[in-house]
Amino acid sequence: MKKTLRFVLFGLLALVLTALVAIFLIVKIALVPAAGEWSTTVKAGPLNFEIGVPTAVRLATSSWFAPRLDGHSLDTRFGTVHFAWNEVGRPAGDALRALQRRGAGARHAADQGRTPDATVQRDGNTLNGTFEATPLSTDTSVIQGQWEGRLAPKNLHLSAKVQDAPIARWYAVLVPTLPELQRARIGGTLALSAQLVLPEATFAVQPTISQFTVEGLGTEAMLGARTSCGPSARLANDSWLARAVIAAEDQRFFTHAGYDLTEILASIDNNQKDGQTKRGGSTLTQQLAKLLVTGSDRTAERKLREMLYAVEMEQTLGKARILQLYLDNAPWGGNICGAEAAARRYFKRSARTLEPAQAVWLASMLHKPQAVLEQWRRDGRIDPDRTKWVAESVRGISRVQRETLLKSVAAAKFTAPEANTP
């Protein structure tokens, strides 16, 4: 009897293993990428195999397979994705295919306080759907939008539009744990359209911001703030160093409201190109917020905090005070900060009496102060292309003054102080 039972159990086990192997082979064959098709590697236990991504998308959104995902979850690097099948009430056919994704990034939903929810339908190679995100709070309002995609053998083109929503709601969804949200009164609205191409991961965004205001962060106290970098340079807006710094770091300083969408979008586009020098999109006001409040952590949360303070500083401090505070706190390499300390350290004179070429030289250091200082000490000069670009970008001077400035900058060769020189 025991031998018979053992034989039956082994037989059942063999059947199960055979069935699993058969299912694995069927899935592998069904999803094998066609020649030239966008593919990715999938791990199934100890086994790895290539699948065609477009084929997998068609399978997952097919009317016979998608309902089987109902109630199932998938762990991804973005968190756990939960699936639910909803029939949309259309006639039978491709357009009936709907797949709802709830809790995408559940890890973030628990830690960050957002509950993303998206739907997808497919008609042939055309995808479309909706998405929304709700803050986990007493506020039941959401951020909503629509998306559509075009599935091709080698890529997937996606576009999305997010409806106009209060900026405060965007913050509540994106970074609900920011301590500033407990006291900041945020006004204004934001709408967004975006395009994404996979697998290249190239993207473009077009935000529309209206009447962005911030109150309650206490930045008015900075009106009387003193710098720890040494004596204030007390430079006028039309001084050579102030003009050169604006040319180097924020050419629309006097016209923006603390953030510069043109520069942000240009930096996003530039930083996606191979071989391009990484470009920042921060204004002088945002840089000041980083210096005085937020620190320099490379996180999205820090950038969003920075923008809140920058917008309020524009309203409480004004351009002249913001520029003065930036000049008095900006880093210039070698543990030197502040325009006055930098001018005395590098040129043995006050910031007010800098020659035009010296002002351009100092302004050109600000994007990478320590690296530029080391280059100066090593090569006897800094990047001539950057100094020329800064000189060309200085505003409020005559054509004759610019020609003279360009000649003096091209000929300039200043001696860098040694590392141990006071």
Protein backbone atom coordinates (compact mmCIF):
# COMPACT_ATOMS: atom_id res chain seq x y z
CA MET A 1 0.00 0.00 0.00
CA LYS A 2 2.82 2.39 0.92
CA LYS A 3 4.63 1.61 -2.34
CA THR A 4 1.46 2.29 -4.31
CA LEU A 5 0.86 5.61 -2.51
CA ARG A 6 4.47 6.62 -3.02
CA PHE A 7 4.19 5.74 -6.72
CA VAL A 8 1.03 7.84 -7.04
CA LEU A 9 2.62 10.82 -5.26
CA PHE A 10 5.71 10.66 -7.44
CA GLY A 11 3.49 10.40 -10.49
CA LEU A 12 1.49 13.46 -9.45
CA LEU A 13 4.69 15.38 -8.76
CA ALA A 14 6.01 14.46 -12.17
CA LEU A 15 2.79 15.62 -13.80
CA VAL A 16 2.91 18.93 -11.91
CA LEU A 17 6.54 19.53 -12.89
CA THR A 18 5.80 18.60 -16.47
CA ALA A 19 2.86 20.99 -16.54
CA LEU A 20 4.95 23.82 -15.06
CA VAL A 21 7.71 23.24 -17.58
CA ALA A 22 5.14 23.17 -20.38
CA ILE A 23 3.55 26.43 -19.19
CA PHE A 24 6.98 28.02 -18.89
CA LEU A 25 7.91 26.95 -22.42
CA ILE A 26 4.57 28.12 -23.84
CA VAL A 27 4.95 31.52 -22.16
CA LYS A 28 8.55 31.79 -23.27
CA ILE A 29 7.69 30.90 -26.86
CA ALA A 30 4.66 33.23 -26.88
CA LEU A 31 6.70 36.14 -25.60
CA VAL A 32 9.91 35.56 -27.53
CA PRO A 33 10.91 38.89 -29.14
CA ALA A 34 10.64 39.21 -32.90
CA ALA A 35 13.64 40.34 -34.90
CA GLY A 36 14.42 43.95 -33.98
CA GLU A 37 11.69 44.10 -31.34
CA TRP A 38 12.20 45.96 -28.06
CA SER A 39 13.01 43.27 -25.48
CA THR A 40 13.87 42.88 -21.82
CA THR A 41 15.09 40.10 -19.54
CA VAL A 42 12.62 38.51 -17.14
CA LYS A 43 13.63 36.33 -14.20
CA ALA A 44 11.45 33.34 -13.31
CA GLY A 45 13.00 31.64 -10.31
CA PRO A 46 16.47 30.51 -11.30
CA LEU A 47 15.75 31.04 -15.00
CA ASN A 48 16.17 34.14 -17.16
CA PHE A 49 14.63 34.63 -20.59
CA GLU A 50 14.12 37.42 -23.08
CA ILE A 51 10.62 38.67 -23.85
CA GLY A 52 9.35 41.12 -26.41
CA VAL A 53 7.93 44.09 -24.53
CA PRO A 54 5.27 45.02 -27.14
CA THR A 55 4.14 41.38 -27.20
CA ALA A 56 3.95 41.30 -23.40
CA VAL A 57 1.91 44.53 -23.35
CA ARG A 58 -0.54 43.11 -25.87
CA LEU A 59 -0.86 39.93 -23.82
CA ALA A 60 -1.38 41.76 -20.52
CA THR A 61 -4.08 43.99 -22.04
CA SER A 62 -5.86 41.28 -24.03
CA SER A 63 -9.51 40.61 -23.21
CA TRP A 64 -8.84 36.94 -22.37
CA PHE A 65 -5.75 37.53 -20.19
CA ALA A 66 -6.33 40.89 -18.43
CA PRO A 67 -9.33 39.62 -16.36
CA ARG A 68 -7.05 36.92 -14.92
CA LEU A 69 -4.90 39.65 -13.36
CA ASP A 70 -7.85 40.77 -11.23
CA GLY A 71 -6.85 40.70 -7.56
CA HIS A 72 -3.20 39.94 -8.26
CA SER A 73 -0.17 42.05 -7.39
CA LEU A 74 3.26 42.54 -8.90
CA ASP A 75 6.34 43.71 -7.01
CA THR A 76 8.40 46.20 -8.97
CA ARG A 77 11.28 48.52 -8.19
CA PHE A 78 8.67 51.26 -7.79
CA GLY A 79 6.66 49.32 -5.22
CA THR A 80 3.77 46.86 -5.40
CA VAL A 81 1.29 47.18 -8.26
CA HIS A 82 -2.23 45.86 -7.60
CA PHE A 83 -4.45 44.91 -10.53
CA ALA A 84 -8.23 44.96 -10.93
CA TRP A 85 -10.33 44.26 -14.01
CA ASN A 86 -13.19 46.60 -14.85
CA GLU A 87 -15.37 46.10 -17.90
CA VAL A 88 -16.01 49.46 -19.48
CA GLY A 89 -19.34 48.60 -21.07
CA ARG A 90 -18.24 48.84 -24.70
CA PRO A 91 -19.09 46.32 -27.42
CA ALA A 92 -16.89 43.24 -27.49
CA GLY A 93 -13.59 43.75 -29.25
CA ASP A 94 -10.19 45.34 -28.71
CA ALA A 95 -11.61 48.45 -27.06
CA LEU A 96 -13.10 46.34 -24.28
CA ARG A 97 -9.66 45.63 -22.82
CA ALA A 98 -9.18 47.45 -19.57
CA LEU A 99 -6.58 47.01 -16.90
CA GLN A 100 -6.68 49.07 -13.75
CA ARG A 101 -3.59 49.61 -11.68
CA ARG A 102 -4.12 50.57 -8.05
CA GLY A 103 -1.49 51.39 -5.52
CA ALA A 104 1.36 51.61 -8.00
CA GLY A 105 4.34 52.37 -5.82
CA ALA A 106 2.62 51.06 -2.69
CA ARG A 107 5.88 51.39 -0.89
CA HIS A 108 5.65 55.11 -1.55
CA ALA A 109 1.95 55.21 -0.74
CA ALA A 110 2.70 54.02 2.77
CA ASP A 111 5.74 56.19 3.27
CA GLN A 112 4.86 59.26 1.24
CA GLY A 113 1.09 59.40 1.50
CA ARG A 114 -0.15 59.10 -2.08
CA THR A 115 -2.38 56.54 -3.78
CA PRO A 116 -1.82 56.54 -7.56
CA ASP A 117 -4.47 54.86 -9.67
CA ALA A 118 -4.38 54.31 -13.43
CA THR A 119 -6.39 52.54 -16.11
CA VAL A 120 -5.38 51.29 -19.55
CA GLN A 121 -7.31 50.20 -22.61
CA ARG A 122 -5.87 48.95 -25.88
CA ASP A 123 -7.29 49.06 -29.36
CA GLY A 124 -4.79 47.41 -31.67
CA ASN A 125 -1.51 49.25 -31.07
CA THR A 126 -3.18 52.31 -29.52
CA LEU A 127 -3.27 52.59 -25.74
CA ASN A 128 -5.17 55.09 -23.64
CA GLY A 129 -6.44 55.55 -20.14
CA THR A 130 -6.78 57.79 -17.11
CA PHE A 131 -4.82 58.30 -13.92
CA GLU A 132 -5.29 60.05 -10.63
CA ALA A 133 -3.49 60.51 -7.33
CA THR A 134 -5.21 61.25 -4.03
CA PRO A 135 -3.44 62.66 -0.96
CA LEU A 136 -3.88 60.44 2.08
CA SER A 137 -5.52 63.15 4.15
CA THR A 138 -8.94 64.53 4.95
CA ASP A 139 -8.79 66.29 1.59
CA THR A 140 -10.59 64.07 -0.94
CA SER A 141 -9.48 66.14 -3.95
CA VAL A 142 -7.25 64.49 -6.52
CA ILE A 143 -4.87 65.20 -9.36
CA GLN A 144 -6.38 63.76 -12.53
CA GLY A 145 -5.31 63.31 -16.11
CA GLN A 146 -5.52 61.33 -19.31
CA TRP A 147 -2.83 59.51 -21.24
CA GLU A 148 -2.44 57.78 -24.56
CA GLY A 149 0.26 55.71 -26.21
CA ARG A 150 1.37 54.26 -29.51
CA LEU A 151 2.93 50.81 -29.36
CA ALA A 152 5.57 50.08 -32.00
CA PRO A 153 7.96 47.13 -32.39
CA LYS A 154 10.93 49.13 -31.11
CA ASN A 155 9.38 51.59 -28.64
CA LEU A 156 6.36 53.00 -26.89
CA HIS A 157 5.41 56.67 -27.31
CA LEU A 158 3.37 58.02 -24.40
CA SER A 159 1.74 61.42 -23.90
CA ALA A 160 -0.21 62.66 -20.92
CA LYS A 161 -2.14 65.72 -19.82
CA VAL A 162 -2.79 66.55 -16.17
CA GLN A 163 -5.72 68.80 -15.43
CA ASP A 164 -5.23 72.17 -13.76
CA ALA A 165 -5.01 71.67 -9.99
CA PRO A 166 -3.94 73.76 -6.97
CA ILE A 167 -0.17 73.75 -6.44
CA ALA A 168 -0.81 72.94 -2.77
CA ARG A 169 -2.48 69.71 -3.91
CA TRP A 170 0.52 68.83 -6.09
CA TYR A 171 2.78 69.20 -3.04
CA ALA A 172 0.40 67.11 -0.92
CA VAL A 173 0.59 64.29 -3.47
CA LEU A 174 4.28 64.48 -4.39
CA VAL A 175 5.97 65.27 -1.06
CA PRO A 176 3.35 65.13 1.71
CA THR A 177 5.99 64.65 4.42
CA LEU A 178 7.65 68.05 3.86
CA PRO A 179 7.52 69.86 7.23
CA GLU A 180 6.93 73.17 5.44
CA LEU A 181 3.50 72.00 4.29
CA GLN A 182 2.27 72.26 7.88
CA ARG A 183 2.69 76.03 7.90
CA ALA A 184 3.02 77.19 4.30
CA ARG A 185 0.01 78.77 2.62
CA ILE A 186 0.47 77.91 -1.05
CA GLY A 187 -1.53 79.60 -3.78
CA GLY A 188 -1.73 79.13 -7.52
CA THR A 189 -2.44 76.31 -9.94
CA LEU A 190 -0.43 73.95 -12.12
CA ALA A 191 -1.37 72.00 -15.25
CA LEU A 192 1.02 69.70 -17.07
CA SER A 193 1.47 67.92 -20.36
CA ALA A 194 4.28 65.44 -20.97
CA GLN A 195 5.69 63.06 -23.55
CA LEU A 196 7.78 59.95 -22.85
CA VAL A 197 9.49 57.50 -25.21
CA LEU A 198 10.45 54.03 -23.95
CA PRO A 199 12.85 52.27 -23.75
CA GLU A 200 14.97 55.36 -24.52
CA ALA A 201 13.40 57.08 -21.48
CA THR A 202 13.54 60.45 -23.22
CA PHE A 203 10.86 62.84 -22.11
CA ALA A 204 9.59 66.39 -22.34
CA VAL A 205 7.25 68.34 -20.08
CA GLN A 206 5.25 71.54 -20.56
CA PRO A 207 4.02 72.95 -17.24
CA THR A 208 1.59 75.85 -16.97
CA ILE A 209 1.81 77.69 -13.65
CA SER A 210 -0.56 80.46 -12.65
CA GLN A 211 -0.31 82.87 -9.67
CA PHE A 212 2.14 80.81 -7.58
CA THR A 213 2.42 82.36 -4.11
CA VAL A 214 3.78 81.19 -0.76
CA GLU A 215 3.27 82.61 2.73
CA GLY A 216 4.07 81.45 6.25
CA LEU A 217 7.68 80.25 5.96
CA GLY A 218 9.14 83.25 7.79
CA THR A 219 11.62 84.37 5.13
CA GLU A 220 10.97 88.02 6.03
CA ALA A 221 13.43 87.44 8.90
CA MET A 222 16.20 87.34 6.27
CA LEU A 223 15.81 91.09 5.76
CA GLY A 224 18.12 91.56 8.73
CA ALA A 225 20.22 88.41 8.31
CA ARG A 226 23.99 88.63 8.59
CA THR A 227 26.43 86.42 6.75
CA SER A 228 29.04 84.24 8.47
CA CYS A 229 31.36 84.65 5.48
CA GLY A 230 32.81 87.96 6.61
CA PRO A 231 32.03 91.61 5.83
CA SER A 232 29.23 92.30 3.37
CA ALA A 233 30.30 93.50 -0.06
CA ARG A 234 27.29 95.86 -0.20
CA LEU A 235 27.39 95.86 -3.98
CA ALA A 236 24.94 97.81 -6.10
CA ASN A 237 22.93 95.96 -8.72
CA ASP A 238 24.92 97.67 -11.49
CA SER A 239 28.38 96.83 -10.07
CA TRP A 240 30.61 94.75 -12.33
CA LEU A 241 30.54 91.71 -10.05
CA ALA A 242 26.74 91.80 -9.60
CA ARG A 243 26.26 92.07 -13.36
CA ALA A 244 28.75 89.27 -14.04
CA VAL A 245 27.15 86.97 -11.45
CA ILE A 246 23.69 87.50 -12.94
CA ALA A 247 25.13 86.82 -16.42
CA ALA A 248 26.75 83.60 -15.21
CA GLU A 249 24.00 82.21 -12.97
CA ASP A 250 20.58 83.73 -13.70
CA GLN A 251 20.14 85.97 -16.72
CA ARG A 252 16.39 86.41 -16.12
CA PHE A 253 16.88 87.25 -12.44
CA PHE A 254 15.04 90.57 -12.59
CA THR A 255 12.01 89.17 -14.43
CA HIS A 256 11.19 85.79 -12.84
CA ALA A 257 9.21 85.08 -9.67
CA GLY A 258 11.82 82.91 -7.98
CA TYR A 259 11.78 80.06 -10.50
CA ASP A 260 12.54 80.08 -14.23
CA LEU A 261 10.48 77.62 -16.26
CA THR A 262 12.46 78.41 -19.41
CA GLU A 263 15.71 77.43 -17.73
CA ILE A 264 14.22 74.37 -16.01
CA LEU A 265 12.90 73.00 -19.30
CA ALA A 266 16.19 73.75 -21.06
CA SER A 267 18.11 71.87 -18.37
CA ILE A 268 15.77 68.85 -18.65
CA ASP A 269 16.32 68.74 -22.41
CA ASN A 270 20.08 69.27 -22.18
CA ASN A 271 20.67 66.70 -19.44
CA GLN A 272 19.12 63.92 -21.54
CA LYS A 273 21.74 64.33 -24.28
CA ASP A 274 24.83 62.15 -24.16
CA GLY A 275 28.08 64.02 -23.82
CA GLN A 276 26.49 67.27 -22.70
CA THR A 277 27.67 69.05 -19.59
CA LYS A 278 24.99 68.76 -16.92
CA ARG A 279 23.01 71.96 -16.66
CA GLY A 280 21.14 73.18 -13.60
CA GLY A 281 17.87 75.06 -13.72
CA SER A 282 18.05 76.90 -10.40
CA THR A 283 17.66 80.66 -10.13
CA LEU A 284 19.78 82.81 -7.84
CA THR A 285 16.82 82.86 -5.45
CA GLN A 286 16.66 79.07 -5.38
CA GLN A 287 20.42 78.91 -4.86
CA LEU A 288 20.06 81.31 -1.94
CA ALA A 289 17.35 79.07 -0.44
CA LYS A 290 19.77 76.14 -0.78
CA LEU A 291 22.57 78.08 0.90
CA LEU A 292 20.50 79.40 3.81
CA VAL A 293 17.77 76.80 4.39
CA THR A 294 17.50 73.54 2.48
CA GLY A 295 21.08 72.33 2.07
CA SER A 296 22.37 70.65 -1.07
CA ASP A 297 21.01 67.08 -0.92
CA ARG A 298 20.45 65.80 -4.46
CA THR A 299 16.79 64.88 -4.04
CA ALA A 300 13.52 65.95 -5.61
CA GLU A 301 12.20 66.77 -2.14
CA ARG A 302 14.97 69.30 -1.60
CA LYS A 303 14.28 70.96 -4.96
CA LEU A 304 10.58 71.28 -4.15
CA ARG A 305 11.37 72.77 -0.72
CA GLU A 306 13.82 75.14 -2.39
CA MET A 307 11.12 76.39 -4.74
CA LEU A 308 8.73 77.14 -1.87
CA TYR A 309 11.30 79.30 -0.11
CA ALA A 310 12.37 80.97 -3.35
CA VAL A 311 8.83 82.02 -4.23
CA GLU A 312 8.23 83.45 -0.75
CA MET A 313 11.61 85.23 -0.69
CA GLU A 314 10.73 87.03 -3.91
CA GLN A 315 7.64 88.38 -2.12
CA THR A 316 9.21 89.20 1.25
CA LEU A 317 12.76 90.31 0.39
CA GLY A 318 12.74 91.78 -3.11
CA LYS A 319 15.38 91.49 -5.80
CA ALA A 320 17.99 93.83 -4.33
CA ARG A 321 18.10 92.05 -0.95
CA ILE A 322 18.10 88.59 -2.56
CA LEU A 323 21.05 89.56 -4.76
CA GLN A 324 22.93 91.03 -1.80
CA LEU A 325 22.36 87.94 0.33
CA TYR A 326 23.47 85.67 -2.49
CA LEU A 327 26.67 87.63 -3.09
CA ASP A 328 27.42 87.62 0.64
CA ASN A 329 26.93 83.85 1.04
CA ALA A 330 27.92 82.27 -2.29
CA PRO A 331 30.80 79.72 -2.19
CA TRP A 332 33.98 80.54 -4.12
CA GLY A 333 36.14 77.47 -3.46
CA GLY A 334 38.85 76.86 -0.90
CA ASN A 335 36.43 77.32 2.02
CA ILE A 336 35.89 80.89 0.87
CA CYS A 337 32.36 82.27 0.78
CA GLY A 338 31.03 85.75 0.15
CA ALA A 339 32.01 88.18 -2.59
CA GLU A 340 34.09 90.41 -0.34
CA ALA A 341 36.14 87.53 1.04
CA ALA A 342 36.62 86.08 -2.47
CA ALA A 343 37.74 89.41 -3.96
CA ARG A 344 40.28 89.96 -1.19
CA ARG A 345 41.50 86.37 -1.28
CA TYR A 346 42.00 86.11 -5.03
CA PHE A 347 42.69 89.71 -6.12
CA LYS A 348 43.76 91.52 -2.95
CA ARG A 349 41.09 94.20 -3.34
CA SER A 350 37.50 94.86 -2.31
CA ALA A 351 34.60 93.54 -4.35
CA ARG A 352 33.61 97.14 -5.18
CA THR A 353 36.95 97.88 -6.86
CA LEU A 354 37.29 94.73 -8.94
CA GLU A 355 38.29 95.27 -12.54
CA PRO A 356 35.68 94.07 -15.07
CA ALA A 357 37.79 91.06 -16.11
CA GLN A 358 38.31 90.10 -12.46
CA ALA A 359 34.57 90.27 -11.85
CA VAL A 360 33.91 87.98 -14.82
CA TRP A 361 36.61 85.61 -13.56
CA LEU A 362 34.97 85.34 -10.12
CA ALA A 363 31.48 84.95 -11.60
CA SER A 364 32.72 82.17 -13.87
CA MET A 365 33.83 80.17 -10.82
CA LEU A 366 30.40 79.91 -9.25
CA HIS A 367 29.06 76.88 -11.16
CA LYS A 368 31.84 74.63 -9.76
CA PRO A 369 33.87 76.72 -7.28
CA GLN A 370 36.26 74.09 -5.94
CA ALA A 371 36.89 72.36 -9.28
CA VAL A 372 37.52 75.70 -11.01
CA LEU A 373 39.88 76.81 -8.24
CA GLU A 374 41.88 73.60 -8.60
CA GLN A 375 42.05 74.12 -12.37
CA TRP A 376 43.22 77.70 -11.81
CA ARG A 377 46.00 76.53 -9.50
CA ARG A 378 46.98 73.72 -11.88
CA ASP A 379 46.79 75.50 -15.26
CA GLY A 380 47.14 79.14 -14.34
CA ARG A 381 43.73 79.99 -15.78
CA ILE A 382 40.12 78.84 -15.82
CA ASP A 383 37.87 77.74 -18.70
CA PRO A 384 38.31 80.47 -21.37
CA ASP A 385 35.08 79.49 -23.13
CA ARG A 386 33.06 80.04 -19.97
CA THR A 387 34.68 83.39 -19.15
CA LYS A 388 34.03 84.53 -22.71
CA TRP A 389 30.38 83.40 -22.49
CA VAL A 390 29.90 85.25 -19.20
CA ALA A 391 31.48 88.40 -20.63
CA GLU A 392 29.20 88.22 -23.67
CA SER A 393 26.16 87.80 -21.40
CA VAL A 394 26.76 90.82 -19.15
CA ARG A 395 23.87 93.25 -19.61
CA GLY A 396 23.53 96.96 -19.25
CA ILE A 397 26.84 97.92 -20.89
CA SER A 398 27.60 99.63 -24.18
CA ARG A 399 29.03 97.95 -27.28
CA VAL A 400 32.38 99.62 -26.67
CA GLN A 401 32.43 98.44 -23.06
CA ARG A 402 31.63 94.88 -24.16
CA GLU A 403 34.39 94.84 -26.77
CA THR A 404 36.86 96.12 -24.19
CA LEU A 405 35.64 93.55 -21.66
CA LEU A 406 36.01 90.66 -24.11
CA LYS A 407 39.56 91.73 -24.99
CA SER A 408 40.59 92.03 -21.35
CA VAL A 409 38.99 88.69 -20.42
CA ALA A 410 40.74 86.93 -23.33
CA ALA A 411 44.09 88.36 -22.25
CA ALA A 412 43.57 87.86 -18.51
CA LYS A 413 45.88 85.54 -16.62
CA PHE A 414 45.67 85.98 -12.88
CA THR A 415 47.87 84.24 -10.32
CA ALA A 416 45.98 81.83 -8.09
CA PRO A 417 46.81 81.91 -4.37
CA GLU A 418 48.45 78.81 -2.95
CA ALA A 419 46.28 76.48 -0.90
CA ASN A 420 47.91 77.51 2.39
CA THR A 421 48.03 81.24 1.64
CA PRO A 422 45.81 83.30 3.97
